[in-house]
PDBML (XML) file of the C-alpha atoms, coordinates in Angstrom:
<?xml version="1.0" encoding="UTF-8" ?>
<PDBx:datablock datablockName="MODEL"
   xmlns:PDBx="http://pdbml.pdb.org/schema/pdbx-v50.xsd"
   xmlns:xsi="http://www.w3.org/2001/XMLSchema-instance"
   xsi:schemaLocation="http://pdbml.pdb.org/schema/pdbx-v50.xsd pdbx-v50.xsd">
   <PDBx:atom_siteCategory>
      <PDBx:atom_site id="1">
         <PDBx:B_iso_or_equiv>0.00</PDBx:B_iso_or_equiv>
         <PDBx:Cartn_x>-9.771</PDBx:Cartn_x>
         <PDBx:Cartn_y>2.392</PDBx:Cartn_y>
         <PDBx:Cartn_z>-8.868</PDBx:Cartn_z>
         <PDBx:auth_asym_id>A</PDBx:auth_asym_id>
         <PDBx:auth_atom_id>CA</PDBx:auth_atom_id>
         <PDBx:auth_comp_id>UNK</PDBx:auth_comp_id>
         <PDBx:auth_seq_id>1</PDBx:auth_seq_id>
         <PDBx:group_PDB>ATOM</PDBx:group_PDB>
         <PDBx:label_alt_id xsi:nil="true" />
         <PDBx:label_asym_id>A</PDBx:label_asym_id>
         <PDBx:label_atom_id>CA</PDBx:label_atom_id>
         <PDBx:label_comp_id>UNK</PDBx:label_comp_id>
         <PDBx:label_entity_id>1</PDBx:label_entity_id>
         <PDBx:label_seq_id>1</PDBx:label_seq_id>
         <PDBx:occupancy>1.00</PDBx:occupancy>
         <PDBx:pdbx_PDB_model_num>1</PDBx:pdbx_PDB_model_num>
         <PDBx:type_symbol>C</PDBx:type_symbol>
      </PDBx:atom_site>
      <PDBx:atom_site id="2">
         <PDBx:B_iso_or_equiv>0.00</PDBx:B_iso_or_equiv>
         <PDBx:Cartn_x>-7.902</PDBx:Cartn_x>
         <PDBx:Cartn_y>5.547</PDBx:Cartn_y>
         <PDBx:Cartn_z>-9.577</PDBx:Cartn_z>
         <PDBx:auth_asym_id>A</PDBx:auth_asym_id>
         <PDBx:auth_atom_id>CA</PDBx:auth_atom_id>
         <PDBx:auth_comp_id>UNK</PDBx:auth_comp_id>
         <PDBx:auth_seq_id>2</PDBx:auth_seq_id>
         <PDBx:group_PDB>ATOM</PDBx:group_PDB>
         <PDBx:label_alt_id xsi:nil="true" />
         <PDBx:label_asym_id>A</PDBx:label_asym_id>
         <PDBx:label_atom_id>CA</PDBx:label_atom_id>
         <PDBx:label_comp_id>UNK</PDBx:label_comp_id>
         <PDBx:label_entity_id>1</PDBx:label_entity_id>
         <PDBx:label_seq_id>2</PDBx:label_seq_id>
         <PDBx:occupancy>1.00</PDBx:occupancy>
         <PDBx:pdbx_PDB_model_num>1</PDBx:pdbx_PDB_model_num>
         <PDBx:type_symbol>C</PDBx:type_symbol>
      </PDBx:atom_site>
      <PDBx:atom_site id="3">
         <PDBx:B_iso_or_equiv>0.00</PDBx:B_iso_or_equiv>
         <PDBx:Cartn_x>-9.775</PDBx:Cartn_x>
         <PDBx:Cartn_y>7.043</PDBx:Cartn_y>
         <PDBx:Cartn_z>-6.445</PDBx:Cartn_z>
         <PDBx:auth_asym_id>A</PDBx:auth_asym_id>
         <PDBx:auth_atom_id>CA</PDBx:auth_atom_id>
         <PDBx:auth_comp_id>UNK</PDBx:auth_comp_id>
         <PDBx:auth_seq_id>3</PDBx:auth_seq_id>
         <PDBx:group_PDB>ATOM</PDBx:group_PDB>
         <PDBx:label_alt_id xsi:nil="true" />
         <PDBx:label_asym_id>A</PDBx:label_asym_id>
         <PDBx:label_atom_id>CA</PDBx:label_atom_id>
         <PDBx:label_comp_id>UNK</PDBx:label_comp_id>
         <PDBx:label_entity_id>1</PDBx:label_entity_id>
         <PDBx:label_seq_id>3</PDBx:label_seq_id>
         <PDBx:occupancy>1.00</PDBx:occupancy>
         <PDBx:pdbx_PDB_model_num>1</PDBx:pdbx_PDB_model_num>
         <PDBx:type_symbol>C</PDBx:type_symbol>
      </PDBx:atom_site>
      <PDBx:atom_site id="4">
         <PDBx:B_iso_or_equiv>0.00</PDBx:B_iso_or_equiv>
         <PDBx:Cartn_x>-9.050</PDBx:Cartn_x>
         <PDBx:Cartn_y>4.384</PDBx:Cartn_y>
         <PDBx:Cartn_z>-3.938</PDBx:Cartn_z>
         <PDBx:auth_asym_id>A</PDBx:auth_asym_id>
         <PDBx:auth_atom_id>CA</PDBx:auth_atom_id>
         <PDBx:auth_comp_id>UNK</PDBx:auth_comp_id>
         <PDBx:auth_seq_id>4</PDBx:auth_seq_id>
         <PDBx:group_PDB>ATOM</PDBx:group_PDB>
         <PDBx:label_alt_id xsi:nil="true" />
         <PDBx:label_asym_id>A</PDBx:label_asym_id>
         <PDBx:label_atom_id>CA</PDBx:label_atom_id>
         <PDBx:label_comp_id>UNK</PDBx:label_comp_id>
         <PDBx:label_entity_id>1</PDBx:label_entity_id>
         <PDBx:label_seq_id>4</PDBx:label_seq_id>
         <PDBx:occupancy>1.00</PDBx:occupancy>
         <PDBx:pdbx_PDB_model_num>1</PDBx:pdbx_PDB_model_num>
         <PDBx:type_symbol>C</PDBx:type_symbol>
      </PDBx:atom_site>
      <PDBx:atom_site id="5">
         <PDBx:B_iso_or_equiv>0.00</PDBx:B_iso_or_equiv>
         <PDBx:Cartn_x>-6.243</PDBx:Cartn_x>
         <PDBx:Cartn_y>5.690</PDBx:Cartn_y>
         <PDBx:Cartn_z>-1.682</PDBx:Cartn_z>
         <PDBx:auth_asym_id>A</PDBx:auth_asym_id>
         <PDBx:auth_atom_id>CA</PDBx:auth_atom_id>
         <PDBx:auth_comp_id>UNK</PDBx:auth_comp_id>
         <PDBx:auth_seq_id>5</PDBx:auth_seq_id>
         <PDBx:group_PDB>ATOM</PDBx:group_PDB>
         <PDBx:label_alt_id xsi:nil="true" />
         <PDBx:label_asym_id>A</PDBx:label_asym_id>
         <PDBx:label_atom_id>CA</PDBx:label_atom_id>
         <PDBx:label_comp_id>UNK</PDBx:label_comp_id>
         <PDBx:label_entity_id>1</PDBx:label_entity_id>
         <PDBx:label_seq_id>5</PDBx:label_seq_id>
         <PDBx:occupancy>1.00</PDBx:occupancy>
         <PDBx:pdbx_PDB_model_num>1</PDBx:pdbx_PDB_model_num>
         <PDBx:type_symbol>C</PDBx:type_symbol>
      </PDBx:atom_site>
      <PDBx:atom_site id="6">
         <PDBx:B_iso_or_equiv>0.00</PDBx:B_iso_or_equiv>
         <PDBx:Cartn_x>-4.352</PDBx:Cartn_x>
         <PDBx:Cartn_y>2.350</PDBx:Cartn_y>
         <PDBx:Cartn_z>-1.588</PDBx:Cartn_z>
         <PDBx:auth_asym_id>A</PDBx:auth_asym_id>
         <PDBx:auth_atom_id>CA</PDBx:auth_atom_id>
         <PDBx:auth_comp_id>UNK</PDBx:auth_comp_id>
         <PDBx:auth_seq_id>6</PDBx:auth_seq_id>
         <PDBx:group_PDB>ATOM</PDBx:group_PDB>
         <PDBx:label_alt_id xsi:nil="true" />
         <PDBx:label_asym_id>A</PDBx:label_asym_id>
         <PDBx:label_atom_id>CA</PDBx:label_atom_id>
         <PDBx:label_comp_id>UNK</PDBx:label_comp_id>
         <PDBx:label_entity_id>1</PDBx:label_entity_id>
         <PDBx:label_seq_id>6</PDBx:label_seq_id>
         <PDBx:occupancy>1.00</PDBx:occupancy>
         <PDBx:pdbx_PDB_model_num>1</PDBx:pdbx_PDB_model_num>
         <PDBx:type_symbol>C</PDBx:type_symbol>
      </PDBx:atom_site>
      <PDBx:atom_site id="7">
         <PDBx:B_iso_or_equiv>0.00</PDBx:B_iso_or_equiv>
         <PDBx:Cartn_x>-4.152</PDBx:Cartn_x>
         <PDBx:Cartn_y>1.796</PDBx:Cartn_y>
         <PDBx:Cartn_z>-5.299</PDBx:Cartn_z>
         <PDBx:auth_asym_id>A</PDBx:auth_asym_id>
         <PDBx:auth_atom_id>CA</PDBx:auth_atom_id>
         <PDBx:auth_comp_id>UNK</PDBx:auth_comp_id>
         <PDBx:auth_seq_id>7</PDBx:auth_seq_id>
         <PDBx:group_PDB>ATOM</PDBx:group_PDB>
         <PDBx:label_alt_id xsi:nil="true" />
         <PDBx:label_asym_id>A</PDBx:label_asym_id>
         <PDBx:label_atom_id>CA</PDBx:label_atom_id>
         <PDBx:label_comp_id>UNK</PDBx:label_comp_id>
         <PDBx:label_entity_id>1</PDBx:label_entity_id>
         <PDBx:label_seq_id>7</PDBx:label_seq_id>
         <PDBx:occupancy>1.00</PDBx:occupancy>
         <PDBx:pdbx_PDB_model_num>1</PDBx:pdbx_PDB_model_num>
         <PDBx:type_symbol>C</PDBx:type_symbol>
      </PDBx:atom_site>
      <PDBx:atom_site id="8">
         <PDBx:B_iso_or_equiv>0.00</PDBx:B_iso_or_equiv>
         <PDBx:Cartn_x>-1.762</PDBx:Cartn_x>
         <PDBx:Cartn_y>3.967</PDBx:Cartn_y>
         <PDBx:Cartn_z>-7.653</PDBx:Cartn_z>
         <PDBx:auth_asym_id>A</PDBx:auth_asym_id>
         <PDBx:auth_atom_id>CA</PDBx:auth_atom_id>
         <PDBx:auth_comp_id>UNK</PDBx:auth_comp_id>
         <PDBx:auth_seq_id>8</PDBx:auth_seq_id>
         <PDBx:group_PDB>ATOM</PDBx:group_PDB>
         <PDBx:label_alt_id xsi:nil="true" />
         <PDBx:label_asym_id>A</PDBx:label_asym_id>
         <PDBx:label_atom_id>CA</PDBx:label_atom_id>
         <PDBx:label_comp_id>UNK</PDBx:label_comp_id>
         <PDBx:label_entity_id>1</PDBx:label_entity_id>
         <PDBx:label_seq_id>8</PDBx:label_seq_id>
         <PDBx:occupancy>1.00</PDBx:occupancy>
         <PDBx:pdbx_PDB_model_num>1</PDBx:pdbx_PDB_model_num>
         <PDBx:type_symbol>C</PDBx:type_symbol>
      </PDBx:atom_site>
      <PDBx:atom_site id="9">
         <PDBx:B_iso_or_equiv>0.00</PDBx:B_iso_or_equiv>
         <PDBx:Cartn_x>-2.877</PDBx:Cartn_x>
         <PDBx:Cartn_y>5.112</PDBx:Cartn_y>
         <PDBx:Cartn_z>-11.124</PDBx:Cartn_z>
         <PDBx:auth_asym_id>A</PDBx:auth_asym_id>
         <PDBx:auth_atom_id>CA</PDBx:auth_atom_id>
         <PDBx:auth_comp_id>UNK</PDBx:auth_comp_id>
         <PDBx:auth_seq_id>9</PDBx:auth_seq_id>
         <PDBx:group_PDB>ATOM</PDBx:group_PDB>
         <PDBx:label_alt_id xsi:nil="true" />
         <PDBx:label_asym_id>A</PDBx:label_asym_id>
         <PDBx:label_atom_id>CA</PDBx:label_atom_id>
         <PDBx:label_comp_id>UNK</PDBx:label_comp_id>
         <PDBx:label_entity_id>1</PDBx:label_entity_id>
         <PDBx:label_seq_id>9</PDBx:label_seq_id>
         <PDBx:occupancy>1.00</PDBx:occupancy>
         <PDBx:pdbx_PDB_model_num>1</PDBx:pdbx_PDB_model_num>
         <PDBx:type_symbol>C</PDBx:type_symbol>
      </PDBx:atom_site>
      <PDBx:atom_site id="10">
         <PDBx:B_iso_or_equiv>0.00</PDBx:B_iso_or_equiv>
         <PDBx:Cartn_x>-0.956</PDBx:Cartn_x>
         <PDBx:Cartn_y>2.265</PDBx:Cartn_y>
         <PDBx:Cartn_z>-12.599</PDBx:Cartn_z>
         <PDBx:auth_asym_id>A</PDBx:auth_asym_id>
         <PDBx:auth_atom_id>CA</PDBx:auth_atom_id>
         <PDBx:auth_comp_id>UNK</PDBx:auth_comp_id>
         <PDBx:auth_seq_id>10</PDBx:auth_seq_id>
         <PDBx:group_PDB>ATOM</PDBx:group_PDB>
         <PDBx:label_alt_id xsi:nil="true" />
         <PDBx:label_asym_id>A</PDBx:label_asym_id>
         <PDBx:label_atom_id>CA</PDBx:label_atom_id>
         <PDBx:label_comp_id>UNK</PDBx:label_comp_id>
         <PDBx:label_entity_id>1</PDBx:label_entity_id>
         <PDBx:label_seq_id>10</PDBx:label_seq_id>
         <PDBx:occupancy>1.00</PDBx:occupancy>
         <PDBx:pdbx_PDB_model_num>1</PDBx:pdbx_PDB_model_num>
         <PDBx:type_symbol>C</PDBx:type_symbol>
      </PDBx:atom_site>
      <PDBx:atom_site id="11">
         <PDBx:B_iso_or_equiv>0.00</PDBx:B_iso_or_equiv>
         <PDBx:Cartn_x>-3.015</PDBx:Cartn_x>
         <PDBx:Cartn_y>-0.255</PDBx:Cartn_y>
         <PDBx:Cartn_z>-11.007</PDBx:Cartn_z>
         <PDBx:auth_asym_id>A</PDBx:auth_asym_id>
         <PDBx:auth_atom_id>CA</PDBx:auth_atom_id>
         <PDBx:auth_comp_id>UNK</PDBx:auth_comp_id>
         <PDBx:auth_seq_id>11</PDBx:auth_seq_id>
         <PDBx:group_PDB>ATOM</PDBx:group_PDB>
         <PDBx:label_alt_id xsi:nil="true" />
         <PDBx:label_asym_id>A</PDBx:label_asym_id>
         <PDBx:label_atom_id>CA</PDBx:label_atom_id>
         <PDBx:label_comp_id>UNK</PDBx:label_comp_id>
         <PDBx:label_entity_id>1</PDBx:label_entity_id>
         <PDBx:label_seq_id>11</PDBx:label_seq_id>
         <PDBx:occupancy>1.00</PDBx:occupancy>
         <PDBx:pdbx_PDB_model_num>1</PDBx:pdbx_PDB_model_num>
         <PDBx:type_symbol>C</PDBx:type_symbol>
      </PDBx:atom_site>
      <PDBx:atom_site id="12">
         <PDBx:B_iso_or_equiv>0.00</PDBx:B_iso_or_equiv>
         <PDBx:Cartn_x>-0.433</PDBx:Cartn_x>
         <PDBx:Cartn_y>-1.221</PDBx:Cartn_y>
         <PDBx:Cartn_z>-8.462</PDBx:Cartn_z>
         <PDBx:auth_asym_id>A</PDBx:auth_asym_id>
         <PDBx:auth_atom_id>CA</PDBx:auth_atom_id>
         <PDBx:auth_comp_id>UNK</PDBx:auth_comp_id>
         <PDBx:auth_seq_id>12</PDBx:auth_seq_id>
         <PDBx:group_PDB>ATOM</PDBx:group_PDB>
         <PDBx:label_alt_id xsi:nil="true" />
         <PDBx:label_asym_id>A</PDBx:label_asym_id>
         <PDBx:label_atom_id>CA</PDBx:label_atom_id>
         <PDBx:label_comp_id>UNK</PDBx:label_comp_id>
         <PDBx:label_entity_id>1</PDBx:label_entity_id>
         <PDBx:label_seq_id>12</PDBx:label_seq_id>
         <PDBx:occupancy>1.00</PDBx:occupancy>
         <PDBx:pdbx_PDB_model_num>1</PDBx:pdbx_PDB_model_num>
         <PDBx:type_symbol>C</PDBx:type_symbol>
      </PDBx:atom_site>
      <PDBx:atom_site id="13">
         <PDBx:B_iso_or_equiv>0.00</PDBx:B_iso_or_equiv>
         <PDBx:Cartn_x>-1.204</PDBx:Cartn_x>
         <PDBx:Cartn_y>-1.812</PDBx:Cartn_y>
         <PDBx:Cartn_z>-4.955</PDBx:Cartn_z>
         <PDBx:auth_asym_id>A</PDBx:auth_asym_id>
         <PDBx:auth_atom_id>CA</PDBx:auth_atom_id>
         <PDBx:auth_comp_id>UNK</PDBx:auth_comp_id>
         <PDBx:auth_seq_id>13</PDBx:auth_seq_id>
         <PDBx:group_PDB>ATOM</PDBx:group_PDB>
         <PDBx:label_alt_id xsi:nil="true" />
         <PDBx:label_asym_id>A</PDBx:label_asym_id>
         <PDBx:label_atom_id>CA</PDBx:label_atom_id>
         <PDBx:label_comp_id>UNK</PDBx:label_comp_id>
         <PDBx:label_entity_id>1</PDBx:label_entity_id>
         <PDBx:label_seq_id>13</PDBx:label_seq_id>
         <PDBx:occupancy>1.00</PDBx:occupancy>
         <PDBx:pdbx_PDB_model_num>1</PDBx:pdbx_PDB_model_num>
         <PDBx:type_symbol>C</PDBx:type_symbol>
      </PDBx:atom_site>
      <PDBx:atom_site id="14">
         <PDBx:B_iso_or_equiv>0.00</PDBx:B_iso_or_equiv>
         <PDBx:Cartn_x>0.844</PDBx:Cartn_x>
         <PDBx:Cartn_y>0.495</PDBx:Cartn_y>
         <PDBx:Cartn_z>-2.707</PDBx:Cartn_z>
         <PDBx:auth_asym_id>A</PDBx:auth_asym_id>
         <PDBx:auth_atom_id>CA</PDBx:auth_atom_id>
         <PDBx:auth_comp_id>UNK</PDBx:auth_comp_id>
         <PDBx:auth_seq_id>14</PDBx:auth_seq_id>
         <PDBx:group_PDB>ATOM</PDBx:group_PDB>
         <PDBx:label_alt_id xsi:nil="true" />
         <PDBx:label_asym_id>A</PDBx:label_asym_id>
         <PDBx:label_atom_id>CA</PDBx:label_atom_id>
         <PDBx:label_comp_id>UNK</PDBx:label_comp_id>
         <PDBx:label_entity_id>1</PDBx:label_entity_id>
         <PDBx:label_seq_id>14</PDBx:label_seq_id>
         <PDBx:occupancy>1.00</PDBx:occupancy>
         <PDBx:pdbx_PDB_model_num>1</PDBx:pdbx_PDB_model_num>
         <PDBx:type_symbol>C</PDBx:type_symbol>
      </PDBx:atom_site>
      <PDBx:atom_site id="15">
         <PDBx:B_iso_or_equiv>0.00</PDBx:B_iso_or_equiv>
         <PDBx:Cartn_x>2.929</PDBx:Cartn_x>
         <PDBx:Cartn_y>-1.337</PDBx:Cartn_y>
         <PDBx:Cartn_z>-0.056</PDBx:Cartn_z>
         <PDBx:auth_asym_id>A</PDBx:auth_asym_id>
         <PDBx:auth_atom_id>CA</PDBx:auth_atom_id>
         <PDBx:auth_comp_id>UNK</PDBx:auth_comp_id>
         <PDBx:auth_seq_id>15</PDBx:auth_seq_id>
         <PDBx:group_PDB>ATOM</PDBx:group_PDB>
         <PDBx:label_alt_id xsi:nil="true" />
         <PDBx:label_asym_id>A</PDBx:label_asym_id>
         <PDBx:label_atom_id>CA</PDBx:label_atom_id>
         <PDBx:label_comp_id>UNK</PDBx:label_comp_id>
         <PDBx:label_entity_id>1</PDBx:label_entity_id>
         <PDBx:label_seq_id>15</PDBx:label_seq_id>
         <PDBx:occupancy>1.00</PDBx:occupancy>
         <PDBx:pdbx_PDB_model_num>1</PDBx:pdbx_PDB_model_num>
         <PDBx:type_symbol>C</PDBx:type_symbol>
      </PDBx:atom_site>
      <PDBx:atom_site id="16">
         <PDBx:B_iso_or_equiv>0.00</PDBx:B_iso_or_equiv>
         <PDBx:Cartn_x>1.916</PDBx:Cartn_x>
         <PDBx:Cartn_y>0.102</PDBx:Cartn_y>
         <PDBx:Cartn_z>3.334</PDBx:Cartn_z>
         <PDBx:auth_asym_id>A</PDBx:auth_asym_id>
         <PDBx:auth_atom_id>CA</PDBx:auth_atom_id>
         <PDBx:auth_comp_id>UNK</PDBx:auth_comp_id>
         <PDBx:auth_seq_id>16</PDBx:auth_seq_id>
         <PDBx:group_PDB>ATOM</PDBx:group_PDB>
         <PDBx:label_alt_id xsi:nil="true" />
         <PDBx:label_asym_id>A</PDBx:label_asym_id>
         <PDBx:label_atom_id>CA</PDBx:label_atom_id>
         <PDBx:label_comp_id>UNK</PDBx:label_comp_id>
         <PDBx:label_entity_id>1</PDBx:label_entity_id>
         <PDBx:label_seq_id>16</PDBx:label_seq_id>
         <PDBx:occupancy>1.00</PDBx:occupancy>
         <PDBx:pdbx_PDB_model_num>1</PDBx:pdbx_PDB_model_num>
         <PDBx:type_symbol>C</PDBx:type_symbol>
      </PDBx:atom_site>
      <PDBx:atom_site id="17">
         <PDBx:B_iso_or_equiv>0.00</PDBx:B_iso_or_equiv>
         <PDBx:Cartn_x>4.944</PDBx:Cartn_x>
         <PDBx:Cartn_y>0.422</PDBx:Cartn_y>
         <PDBx:Cartn_z>5.630</PDBx:Cartn_z>
         <PDBx:auth_asym_id>A</PDBx:auth_asym_id>
         <PDBx:auth_atom_id>CA</PDBx:auth_atom_id>
         <PDBx:auth_comp_id>UNK</PDBx:auth_comp_id>
         <PDBx:auth_seq_id>17</PDBx:auth_seq_id>
         <PDBx:group_PDB>ATOM</PDBx:group_PDB>
         <PDBx:label_alt_id xsi:nil="true" />
         <PDBx:label_asym_id>A</PDBx:label_asym_id>
         <PDBx:label_atom_id>CA</PDBx:label_atom_id>
         <PDBx:label_comp_id>UNK</PDBx:label_comp_id>
         <PDBx:label_entity_id>1</PDBx:label_entity_id>
         <PDBx:label_seq_id>17</PDBx:label_seq_id>
         <PDBx:occupancy>1.00</PDBx:occupancy>
         <PDBx:pdbx_PDB_model_num>1</PDBx:pdbx_PDB_model_num>
         <PDBx:type_symbol>C</PDBx:type_symbol>
      </PDBx:atom_site>
      <PDBx:atom_site id="18">
         <PDBx:B_iso_or_equiv>0.00</PDBx:B_iso_or_equiv>
         <PDBx:Cartn_x>5.080</PDBx:Cartn_x>
         <PDBx:Cartn_y>-2.567</PDBx:Cartn_y>
         <PDBx:Cartn_z>8.149</PDBx:Cartn_z>
         <PDBx:auth_asym_id>A</PDBx:auth_asym_id>
         <PDBx:auth_atom_id>CA</PDBx:auth_atom_id>
         <PDBx:auth_comp_id>UNK</PDBx:auth_comp_id>
         <PDBx:auth_seq_id>18</PDBx:auth_seq_id>
         <PDBx:group_PDB>ATOM</PDBx:group_PDB>
         <PDBx:label_alt_id xsi:nil="true" />
         <PDBx:label_asym_id>A</PDBx:label_asym_id>
         <PDBx:label_atom_id>CA</PDBx:label_atom_id>
         <PDBx:label_comp_id>UNK</PDBx:label_comp_id>
         <PDBx:label_entity_id>1</PDBx:label_entity_id>
         <PDBx:label_seq_id>18</PDBx:label_seq_id>
         <PDBx:occupancy>1.00</PDBx:occupancy>
         <PDBx:pdbx_PDB_model_num>1</PDBx:pdbx_PDB_model_num>
         <PDBx:type_symbol>C</PDBx:type_symbol>
      </PDBx:atom_site>
      <PDBx:atom_site id="19">
         <PDBx:B_iso_or_equiv>0.00</PDBx:B_iso_or_equiv>
         <PDBx:Cartn_x>5.340</PDBx:Cartn_x>
         <PDBx:Cartn_y>-1.974</PDBx:Cartn_y>
         <PDBx:Cartn_z>11.815</PDBx:Cartn_z>
         <PDBx:auth_asym_id>A</PDBx:auth_asym_id>
         <PDBx:auth_atom_id>CA</PDBx:auth_atom_id>
         <PDBx:auth_comp_id>UNK</PDBx:auth_comp_id>
         <PDBx:auth_seq_id>19</PDBx:auth_seq_id>
         <PDBx:group_PDB>ATOM</PDBx:group_PDB>
         <PDBx:label_alt_id xsi:nil="true" />
         <PDBx:label_asym_id>A</PDBx:label_asym_id>
         <PDBx:label_atom_id>CA</PDBx:label_atom_id>
         <PDBx:label_comp_id>UNK</PDBx:label_comp_id>
         <PDBx:label_entity_id>1</PDBx:label_entity_id>
         <PDBx:label_seq_id>19</PDBx:label_seq_id>
         <PDBx:occupancy>1.00</PDBx:occupancy>
         <PDBx:pdbx_PDB_model_num>1</PDBx:pdbx_PDB_model_num>
         <PDBx:type_symbol>C</PDBx:type_symbol>
      </PDBx:atom_site>
      <PDBx:atom_site id="20">
         <PDBx:B_iso_or_equiv>0.00</PDBx:B_iso_or_equiv>
         <PDBx:Cartn_x>9.076</PDBx:Cartn_x>
         <PDBx:Cartn_y>-3.231</PDBx:Cartn_y>
         <PDBx:Cartn_z>12.845</PDBx:Cartn_z>
         <PDBx:auth_asym_id>A</PDBx:auth_asym_id>
         <PDBx:auth_atom_id>CA</PDBx:auth_atom_id>
         <PDBx:auth_comp_id>UNK</PDBx:auth_comp_id>
         <PDBx:auth_seq_id>20</PDBx:auth_seq_id>
         <PDBx:group_PDB>ATOM</PDBx:group_PDB>
         <PDBx:label_alt_id xsi:nil="true" />
         <PDBx:label_asym_id>A</PDBx:label_asym_id>
         <PDBx:label_atom_id>CA</PDBx:label_atom_id>
         <PDBx:label_comp_id>UNK</PDBx:label_comp_id>
         <PDBx:label_entity_id>1</PDBx:label_entity_id>
         <PDBx:label_seq_id>20</PDBx:label_seq_id>
         <PDBx:occupancy>1.00</PDBx:occupancy>
         <PDBx:pdbx_PDB_model_num>1</PDBx:pdbx_PDB_model_num>
         <PDBx:type_symbol>C</PDBx:type_symbol>
      </PDBx:atom_site>
      <PDBx:atom_site id="21">
         <PDBx:B_iso_or_equiv>0.00</PDBx:B_iso_or_equiv>
         <PDBx:Cartn_x>7.753</PDBx:Cartn_x>
         <PDBx:Cartn_y>-5.122</PDBx:Cartn_y>
         <PDBx:Cartn_z>15.717</PDBx:Cartn_z>
         <PDBx:auth_asym_id>A</PDBx:auth_asym_id>
         <PDBx:auth_atom_id>CA</PDBx:auth_atom_id>
         <PDBx:auth_comp_id>UNK</PDBx:auth_comp_id>
         <PDBx:auth_seq_id>21</PDBx:auth_seq_id>
         <PDBx:group_PDB>ATOM</PDBx:group_PDB>
         <PDBx:label_alt_id xsi:nil="true" />
         <PDBx:label_asym_id>A</PDBx:label_asym_id>
         <PDBx:label_atom_id>CA</PDBx:label_atom_id>
         <PDBx:label_comp_id>UNK</PDBx:label_comp_id>
         <PDBx:label_entity_id>1</PDBx:label_entity_id>
         <PDBx:label_seq_id>21</PDBx:label_seq_id>
         <PDBx:occupancy>1.00</PDBx:occupancy>
         <PDBx:pdbx_PDB_model_num>1</PDBx:pdbx_PDB_model_num>
         <PDBx:type_symbol>C</PDBx:type_symbol>
      </PDBx:atom_site>
      <PDBx:atom_site id="22">
         <PDBx:B_iso_or_equiv>0.00</PDBx:B_iso_or_equiv>
         <PDBx:Cartn_x>5.236</PDBx:Cartn_x>
         <PDBx:Cartn_y>-7.228</PDBx:Cartn_y>
         <PDBx:Cartn_z>13.613</PDBx:Cartn_z>
         <PDBx:auth_asym_id>A</PDBx:auth_asym_id>
         <PDBx:auth_atom_id>CA</PDBx:auth_atom_id>
         <PDBx:auth_comp_id>UNK</PDBx:auth_comp_id>
         <PDBx:auth_seq_id>22</PDBx:auth_seq_id>
         <PDBx:group_PDB>ATOM</PDBx:group_PDB>
         <PDBx:label_alt_id xsi:nil="true" />
         <PDBx:label_asym_id>A</PDBx:label_asym_id>
         <PDBx:label_atom_id>CA</PDBx:label_atom_id>
         <PDBx:label_comp_id>UNK</PDBx:label_comp_id>
         <PDBx:label_entity_id>1</PDBx:label_entity_id>
         <PDBx:label_seq_id>22</PDBx:label_seq_id>
         <PDBx:occupancy>1.00</PDBx:occupancy>
         <PDBx:pdbx_PDB_model_num>1</PDBx:pdbx_PDB_model_num>
         <PDBx:type_symbol>C</PDBx:type_symbol>
      </PDBx:atom_site>
      <PDBx:atom_site id="23">
         <PDBx:B_iso_or_equiv>0.00</PDBx:B_iso_or_equiv>
         <PDBx:Cartn_x>7.922</PDBx:Cartn_x>
         <PDBx:Cartn_y>-7.825</PDBx:Cartn_y>
         <PDBx:Cartn_z>10.982</PDBx:Cartn_z>
         <PDBx:auth_asym_id>A</PDBx:auth_asym_id>
         <PDBx:auth_atom_id>CA</PDBx:auth_atom_id>
         <PDBx:auth_comp_id>UNK</PDBx:auth_comp_id>
         <PDBx:auth_seq_id>23</PDBx:auth_seq_id>
         <PDBx:group_PDB>ATOM</PDBx:group_PDB>
         <PDBx:label_alt_id xsi:nil="true" />
         <PDBx:label_asym_id>A</PDBx:label_asym_id>
         <PDBx:label_atom_id>CA</PDBx:label_atom_id>
         <PDBx:label_comp_id>UNK</PDBx:label_comp_id>
         <PDBx:label_entity_id>1</PDBx:label_entity_id>
         <PDBx:label_seq_id>23</PDBx:label_seq_id>
         <PDBx:occupancy>1.00</PDBx:occupancy>
         <PDBx:pdbx_PDB_model_num>1</PDBx:pdbx_PDB_model_num>
         <PDBx:type_symbol>C</PDBx:type_symbol>
      </PDBx:atom_site>
      <PDBx:atom_site id="24">
         <PDBx:B_iso_or_equiv>0.00</PDBx:B_iso_or_equiv>
         <PDBx:Cartn_x>10.450</PDBx:Cartn_x>
         <PDBx:Cartn_y>-8.993</PDBx:Cartn_y>
         <PDBx:Cartn_z>13.880</PDBx:Cartn_z>
         <PDBx:auth_asym_id>A</PDBx:auth_asym_id>
         <PDBx:auth_atom_id>CA</PDBx:auth_atom_id>
         <PDBx:auth_comp_id>UNK</PDBx:auth_comp_id>
         <PDBx:auth_seq_id>24</PDBx:auth_seq_id>
         <PDBx:group_PDB>ATOM</PDBx:group_PDB>
         <PDBx:label_alt_id xsi:nil="true" />
         <PDBx:label_asym_id>A</PDBx:label_asym_id>
         <PDBx:label_atom_id>CA</PDBx:label_atom_id>
         <PDBx:label_comp_id>UNK</PDBx:label_comp_id>
         <PDBx:label_entity_id>1</PDBx:label_entity_id>
         <PDBx:label_seq_id>24</PDBx:label_seq_id>
         <PDBx:occupancy>1.00</PDBx:occupancy>
         <PDBx:pdbx_PDB_model_num>1</PDBx:pdbx_PDB_model_num>
         <PDBx:type_symbol>C</PDBx:type_symbol>
      </PDBx:atom_site>
   </PDBx:atom_siteCategory>
</PDBx:datablock>
C-alpha cells in the first residue's frame, strides 16, 4: 500500500481534485 500513488503512508486515500464542471 505504501507504494501505491493514491494512498498515503497513514493509509488514508488522497482525495483527488474534482473537476469543477463535474461538481456543478
